[in-house]
N, C-alpha and C. Protein backbone atom coordinates (compact mmCIF):
# COMPACT_ATOMS: atom_id res chain seq x y z
N MET A 1 12.98 8.31 -4.71
CA MET A 1 11.64 7.87 -4.39
C MET A 1 11.49 7.84 -2.88
N LYS A 2 10.32 8.26 -2.41
CA LYS A 2 10.01 8.29 -0.98
C LYS A 2 8.87 7.31 -0.71
N LEU A 3 8.93 6.66 0.46
CA LEU A 3 7.92 5.67 0.82
C LEU A 3 7.27 5.97 2.15
N LEU A 4 6.01 5.55 2.27
CA LEU A 4 5.27 5.59 3.53
C LEU A 4 4.77 4.18 3.78
N LEU A 5 5.24 3.55 4.88
CA LEU A 5 4.81 2.20 5.21
C LEU A 5 3.46 2.23 5.91
N ASP A 6 2.54 1.41 5.43
CA ASP A 6 1.24 1.26 6.07
C ASP A 6 1.44 0.69 7.47
N GLU A 7 0.42 0.80 8.31
CA GLU A 7 0.50 0.34 9.70
C GLU A 7 0.78 -1.14 9.83
N HIS A 8 0.55 -1.93 8.79
CA HIS A 8 0.79 -3.37 8.88
C HIS A 8 2.27 -3.69 9.05
N HIS A 9 3.13 -2.81 8.56
CA HIS A 9 4.55 -3.08 8.58
C HIS A 9 5.25 -2.40 9.75
N SER A 10 6.25 -3.09 10.25
CA SER A 10 7.00 -2.63 11.41
C SER A 10 7.70 -1.29 11.14
N PRO A 11 7.62 -0.37 12.10
CA PRO A 11 8.35 0.89 11.94
C PRO A 11 9.87 0.68 11.94
N ARG A 12 10.33 -0.49 12.41
CA ARG A 12 11.77 -0.81 12.35
C ARG A 12 12.27 -0.82 10.91
N ILE A 13 11.39 -1.18 9.97
CA ILE A 13 11.77 -1.20 8.56
C ILE A 13 12.13 0.21 8.11
N ALA A 14 11.27 1.16 8.41
CA ALA A 14 11.54 2.55 8.03
C ALA A 14 12.81 3.05 8.70
N ALA A 15 13.00 2.72 9.97
CA ALA A 15 14.18 3.17 10.69
C ALA A 15 15.47 2.62 10.06
N GLU A 16 15.46 1.35 9.71
CA GLU A 16 16.65 0.74 9.10
C GLU A 16 16.94 1.33 7.73
N LEU A 17 15.90 1.55 6.94
CA LEU A 17 16.10 2.13 5.61
C LEU A 17 16.55 3.59 5.71
N ALA A 18 16.03 4.30 6.70
CA ALA A 18 16.45 5.69 6.90
C ALA A 18 17.93 5.74 7.29
N LYS A 19 18.39 4.78 8.10
CA LYS A 19 19.82 4.71 8.46
C LYS A 19 20.69 4.54 7.22
N ALA A 20 20.13 3.89 6.20
CA ALA A 20 20.86 3.68 4.94
C ALA A 20 20.73 4.88 4.00
N GLY A 21 20.11 5.95 4.49
CA GLY A 21 20.00 7.17 3.70
C GLY A 21 18.79 7.22 2.78
N LEU A 22 17.83 6.31 2.99
CA LEU A 22 16.64 6.27 2.15
C LEU A 22 15.49 6.98 2.85
N ASP A 23 14.62 7.62 2.08
CA ASP A 23 13.52 8.42 2.64
C ASP A 23 12.28 7.55 2.81
N VAL A 24 12.21 6.88 3.95
CA VAL A 24 11.12 5.97 4.26
C VAL A 24 10.61 6.29 5.66
N VAL A 25 9.29 6.45 5.79
CA VAL A 25 8.67 6.69 7.09
C VAL A 25 7.56 5.68 7.30
N ALA A 26 7.26 5.42 8.57
CA ALA A 26 6.20 4.48 8.93
C ALA A 26 4.98 5.24 9.42
N ALA A 27 3.82 4.86 8.92
CA ALA A 27 2.58 5.51 9.34
C ALA A 27 2.39 5.38 10.85
N SER A 28 2.76 4.24 11.40
CA SER A 28 2.55 4.01 12.83
C SER A 28 3.45 4.89 13.70
N SER A 29 4.48 5.48 13.12
CA SER A 29 5.39 6.35 13.88
C SER A 29 5.05 7.82 13.74
N ARG A 30 4.04 8.11 12.95
CA ARG A 30 3.70 9.51 12.69
C ARG A 30 2.44 9.88 13.43
N GLU A 31 2.49 10.97 14.10
CA GLU A 31 1.36 11.43 14.90
C GLU A 31 0.08 11.60 14.09
N ARG A 32 0.18 12.23 12.96
CA ARG A 32 -1.03 12.56 12.21
C ARG A 32 -1.55 11.44 11.32
N SER A 33 -0.81 10.33 11.22
CA SER A 33 -1.27 9.28 10.32
C SER A 33 -1.64 7.98 11.02
N GLY A 34 -1.54 7.94 12.32
CA GLY A 34 -1.89 6.72 13.03
C GLY A 34 -3.38 6.43 12.97
N ASN A 35 -3.72 5.21 12.62
CA ASN A 35 -5.11 4.74 12.61
C ASN A 35 -6.03 5.55 11.70
N ILE A 36 -5.55 5.97 10.55
CA ILE A 36 -6.42 6.69 9.62
C ILE A 36 -6.89 5.72 8.52
N SER A 37 -7.89 6.14 7.79
CA SER A 37 -8.44 5.30 6.73
C SER A 37 -7.43 5.11 5.61
N ASP A 38 -7.65 4.07 4.81
CA ASP A 38 -6.78 3.83 3.65
C ASP A 38 -6.81 5.02 2.70
N GLU A 39 -7.98 5.56 2.48
CA GLU A 39 -8.14 6.73 1.60
C GLU A 39 -7.30 7.89 2.10
N ASP A 40 -7.40 8.17 3.39
CA ASP A 40 -6.65 9.29 3.96
C ASP A 40 -5.14 9.01 3.95
N LEU A 41 -4.75 7.75 4.14
CA LEU A 41 -3.33 7.40 4.09
C LEU A 41 -2.77 7.62 2.68
N LEU A 42 -3.52 7.20 1.67
CA LEU A 42 -3.08 7.42 0.29
C LEU A 42 -3.03 8.92 -0.02
N ALA A 43 -3.99 9.67 0.47
CA ALA A 43 -3.99 11.13 0.26
C ALA A 43 -2.80 11.78 0.95
N LEU A 44 -2.50 11.35 2.17
CA LEU A 44 -1.34 11.88 2.88
C LEU A 44 -0.06 11.57 2.12
N ALA A 45 0.08 10.32 1.70
CA ALA A 45 1.27 9.93 0.94
C ALA A 45 1.38 10.74 -0.34
N ALA A 46 0.27 10.90 -1.05
CA ALA A 46 0.28 11.67 -2.30
C ALA A 46 0.69 13.12 -2.05
N SER A 47 0.22 13.70 -0.96
CA SER A 47 0.55 15.10 -0.66
C SER A 47 2.04 15.27 -0.36
N GLU A 48 2.70 14.19 0.07
CA GLU A 48 4.13 14.23 0.38
C GLU A 48 4.98 13.63 -0.73
N GLY A 49 4.33 13.20 -1.82
CA GLY A 49 5.06 12.58 -2.91
C GLY A 49 5.64 11.22 -2.54
N ARG A 50 4.96 10.50 -1.66
CA ARG A 50 5.41 9.19 -1.19
C ARG A 50 4.54 8.08 -1.77
N ALA A 51 5.15 6.96 -2.09
CA ALA A 51 4.41 5.76 -2.45
C ALA A 51 4.06 5.03 -1.16
N VAL A 52 2.89 4.44 -1.11
CA VAL A 52 2.45 3.66 0.05
C VAL A 52 2.91 2.22 -0.12
N VAL A 53 3.48 1.66 0.94
CA VAL A 53 3.86 0.24 0.98
C VAL A 53 2.87 -0.45 1.89
N THR A 54 2.12 -1.42 1.33
CA THR A 54 1.06 -2.05 2.10
C THR A 54 0.86 -3.51 1.72
N GLU A 55 0.36 -4.29 2.67
CA GLU A 55 -0.06 -5.65 2.35
C GLU A 55 -1.58 -5.71 2.24
N ASN A 56 -2.23 -4.58 2.35
CA ASN A 56 -3.69 -4.49 2.22
C ASN A 56 -4.02 -4.44 0.72
N ILE A 57 -3.84 -5.57 0.08
CA ILE A 57 -3.92 -5.68 -1.37
C ILE A 57 -5.30 -5.32 -1.91
N ALA A 58 -6.32 -5.94 -1.37
CA ALA A 58 -7.68 -5.75 -1.90
C ALA A 58 -8.10 -4.28 -1.83
N ASP A 59 -7.93 -3.68 -0.67
CA ASP A 59 -8.39 -2.30 -0.50
C ASP A 59 -7.59 -1.30 -1.33
N PHE A 60 -6.27 -1.45 -1.37
CA PHE A 60 -5.46 -0.48 -2.10
C PHE A 60 -5.53 -0.66 -3.61
N CYS A 61 -5.76 -1.88 -4.08
CA CYS A 61 -5.99 -2.06 -5.52
C CYS A 61 -7.26 -1.35 -5.95
N LEU A 62 -8.32 -1.52 -5.18
CA LEU A 62 -9.58 -0.84 -5.48
C LEU A 62 -9.43 0.68 -5.37
N LEU A 63 -8.75 1.11 -4.33
CA LEU A 63 -8.55 2.54 -4.11
C LEU A 63 -7.73 3.16 -5.24
N GLY A 64 -6.65 2.49 -5.63
CA GLY A 64 -5.83 3.00 -6.74
C GLY A 64 -6.60 3.08 -8.04
N THR A 65 -7.42 2.05 -8.31
CA THR A 65 -8.25 2.05 -9.52
C THR A 65 -9.28 3.18 -9.47
N ARG A 66 -9.90 3.36 -8.32
CA ARG A 66 -10.89 4.43 -8.19
C ARG A 66 -10.26 5.79 -8.39
N TRP A 67 -9.09 6.02 -7.80
CA TRP A 67 -8.41 7.30 -7.97
C TRP A 67 -8.11 7.55 -9.45
N THR A 68 -7.64 6.53 -10.15
CA THR A 68 -7.33 6.68 -11.57
C THR A 68 -8.60 7.03 -12.36
N THR A 69 -9.67 6.33 -12.07
CA THR A 69 -10.95 6.58 -12.73
C THR A 69 -11.44 8.01 -12.48
N GLU A 70 -11.20 8.50 -11.28
CA GLU A 70 -11.62 9.85 -10.90
C GLU A 70 -10.65 10.93 -11.39
N GLY A 71 -9.55 10.52 -12.02
CA GLY A 71 -8.56 11.48 -12.50
C GLY A 71 -7.64 12.00 -11.41
N ARG A 72 -7.61 11.32 -10.28
CA ARG A 72 -6.72 11.71 -9.18
C ARG A 72 -5.42 10.93 -9.31
N SER A 73 -4.32 11.55 -8.93
CA SER A 73 -3.04 10.85 -9.01
C SER A 73 -2.43 10.68 -7.63
N HIS A 74 -1.59 9.68 -7.53
CA HIS A 74 -0.84 9.42 -6.30
C HIS A 74 0.59 9.07 -6.71
N ALA A 75 1.46 8.94 -5.73
CA ALA A 75 2.89 8.70 -6.01
C ALA A 75 3.22 7.22 -6.12
N GLY A 76 2.24 6.35 -6.03
CA GLY A 76 2.46 4.93 -6.22
C GLY A 76 2.00 4.09 -5.04
N ILE A 77 1.82 2.82 -5.32
CA ILE A 77 1.43 1.84 -4.31
C ILE A 77 2.32 0.61 -4.51
N VAL A 78 3.02 0.23 -3.46
CA VAL A 78 3.86 -0.97 -3.47
C VAL A 78 3.13 -2.02 -2.65
N LEU A 79 2.76 -3.11 -3.31
CA LEU A 79 2.02 -4.18 -2.64
C LEU A 79 2.97 -5.28 -2.17
N THR A 80 2.79 -5.69 -0.93
CA THR A 80 3.58 -6.79 -0.38
C THR A 80 2.63 -7.90 0.02
N HIS A 81 2.94 -9.11 -0.37
CA HIS A 81 2.06 -10.24 -0.03
C HIS A 81 2.46 -10.80 1.32
N PRO A 82 1.47 -11.03 2.21
CA PRO A 82 1.80 -11.52 3.55
C PRO A 82 2.45 -12.90 3.58
N ARG A 83 2.30 -13.69 2.54
CA ARG A 83 3.00 -14.98 2.51
C ARG A 83 4.48 -14.79 2.21
N LYS A 84 4.80 -13.83 1.38
CA LYS A 84 6.20 -13.58 1.03
C LYS A 84 6.92 -12.84 2.16
N PHE A 85 6.25 -11.89 2.77
CA PHE A 85 6.82 -11.10 3.87
C PHE A 85 5.97 -11.34 5.12
N ASN A 86 6.03 -12.56 5.60
CA ASN A 86 5.20 -13.00 6.72
C ASN A 86 5.75 -12.43 8.03
N ARG A 87 4.93 -11.65 8.70
CA ARG A 87 5.35 -10.99 9.94
C ARG A 87 5.61 -11.96 11.08
N ALA A 88 5.14 -13.20 10.96
CA ALA A 88 5.35 -14.21 12.01
C ALA A 88 6.68 -14.96 11.84
N ARG A 89 7.35 -14.79 10.71
CA ARG A 89 8.62 -15.49 10.46
C ARG A 89 9.80 -14.71 11.04
N SER A 90 10.83 -15.43 11.37
CA SER A 90 12.03 -14.78 11.90
C SER A 90 12.74 -13.95 10.83
N SER A 91 12.48 -14.23 9.56
CA SER A 91 13.12 -13.47 8.48
C SER A 91 12.53 -12.06 8.33
N TYR A 92 11.38 -11.81 8.96
CA TYR A 92 10.75 -10.50 8.92
C TYR A 92 11.26 -9.71 10.12
N PRO A 93 11.63 -8.48 10.00
CA PRO A 93 11.44 -7.60 8.87
C PRO A 93 12.62 -7.55 7.90
N GLY A 94 13.67 -8.33 8.17
CA GLY A 94 14.86 -8.28 7.33
C GLY A 94 14.59 -8.52 5.86
N SER A 95 13.68 -9.45 5.56
CA SER A 95 13.38 -9.76 4.16
C SER A 95 12.75 -8.56 3.45
N LEU A 96 11.88 -7.86 4.15
CA LEU A 96 11.24 -6.69 3.53
C LEU A 96 12.21 -5.51 3.45
N ILE A 97 13.06 -5.37 4.44
CA ILE A 97 14.07 -4.31 4.39
C ILE A 97 14.96 -4.49 3.16
N ALA A 98 15.42 -5.73 2.94
CA ALA A 98 16.28 -6.00 1.79
C ALA A 98 15.55 -5.75 0.47
N ALA A 99 14.30 -6.19 0.38
CA ALA A 99 13.53 -6.01 -0.86
C ALA A 99 13.27 -4.53 -1.14
N LEU A 100 12.90 -3.77 -0.12
CA LEU A 100 12.65 -2.34 -0.32
C LEU A 100 13.93 -1.58 -0.63
N LYS A 101 15.02 -1.96 0.01
CA LYS A 101 16.30 -1.31 -0.28
C LYS A 101 16.69 -1.53 -1.74
N ASN A 102 16.54 -2.74 -2.20
CA ASN A 102 16.84 -3.05 -3.60
C ASN A 102 15.92 -2.26 -4.54
N PHE A 103 14.63 -2.22 -4.21
CA PHE A 103 13.66 -1.49 -5.02
C PHE A 103 14.01 0.00 -5.09
N LEU A 104 14.38 0.58 -3.96
CA LEU A 104 14.70 2.01 -3.91
C LEU A 104 16.03 2.34 -4.58
N GLU A 105 16.97 1.44 -4.48
CA GLU A 105 18.28 1.71 -5.08
C GLU A 105 18.28 1.52 -6.59
N GLU A 106 17.39 0.66 -7.09
CA GLU A 106 17.29 0.44 -8.53
C GLU A 106 15.81 0.40 -8.93
N PRO A 107 15.13 1.55 -8.79
CA PRO A 107 13.69 1.55 -9.10
C PRO A 107 13.42 1.35 -10.59
N PRO A 108 12.34 0.65 -10.88
CA PRO A 108 11.94 0.51 -12.28
C PRO A 108 11.43 1.85 -12.79
N PRO A 109 11.41 2.04 -14.10
CA PRO A 109 10.87 3.30 -14.63
C PRO A 109 9.35 3.33 -14.40
N LEU A 110 8.92 4.28 -13.63
CA LEU A 110 7.50 4.39 -13.28
C LEU A 110 7.03 5.82 -13.53
N GLY A 111 5.77 5.98 -13.80
CA GLY A 111 5.19 7.31 -13.96
C GLY A 111 4.50 7.72 -12.68
N GLU A 112 3.27 8.14 -12.80
CA GLU A 112 2.50 8.45 -11.60
C GLU A 112 1.34 7.46 -11.50
N SER A 113 0.83 7.32 -10.30
CA SER A 113 -0.30 6.44 -10.00
C SER A 113 -0.04 4.99 -10.38
N TRP A 114 1.17 4.52 -10.16
CA TRP A 114 1.54 3.16 -10.48
C TRP A 114 1.27 2.22 -9.31
N VAL A 115 1.19 0.95 -9.62
CA VAL A 115 1.06 -0.11 -8.61
C VAL A 115 2.14 -1.13 -8.91
N TRP A 116 2.89 -1.54 -7.90
CA TRP A 116 4.01 -2.45 -8.08
C TRP A 116 3.95 -3.57 -7.05
N TRP A 117 4.12 -4.79 -7.49
CA TRP A 117 4.21 -5.95 -6.59
C TRP A 117 5.66 -6.15 -6.21
N LEU A 118 5.92 -6.23 -4.93
CA LEU A 118 7.28 -6.45 -4.47
C LEU A 118 7.51 -7.92 -4.23
């Protein structure tokens, strides 16, 4: 499974997971994906077969539902709650790195266009 971290999350997370041999990239580290719309980010991720990791729960839930209704597919959406992975805490980004590493090493059985709460 491949992941694309939304701009909300530190690019350090992608770097640490990549060091562990996992295919994770950060939107904020990519030239063509910086500051793009949620729709375009999901489309970019889908074109690369990547699931989007985001804390933008409201927008991506609606976007995922709309894509499904329109018959469009994506590679998945991983939702992170800002209270659980609070960027102001000293445990961040380590807590999210550990959670994503566990998720990637033992992914649940998923199809296409899935949404998962981390």
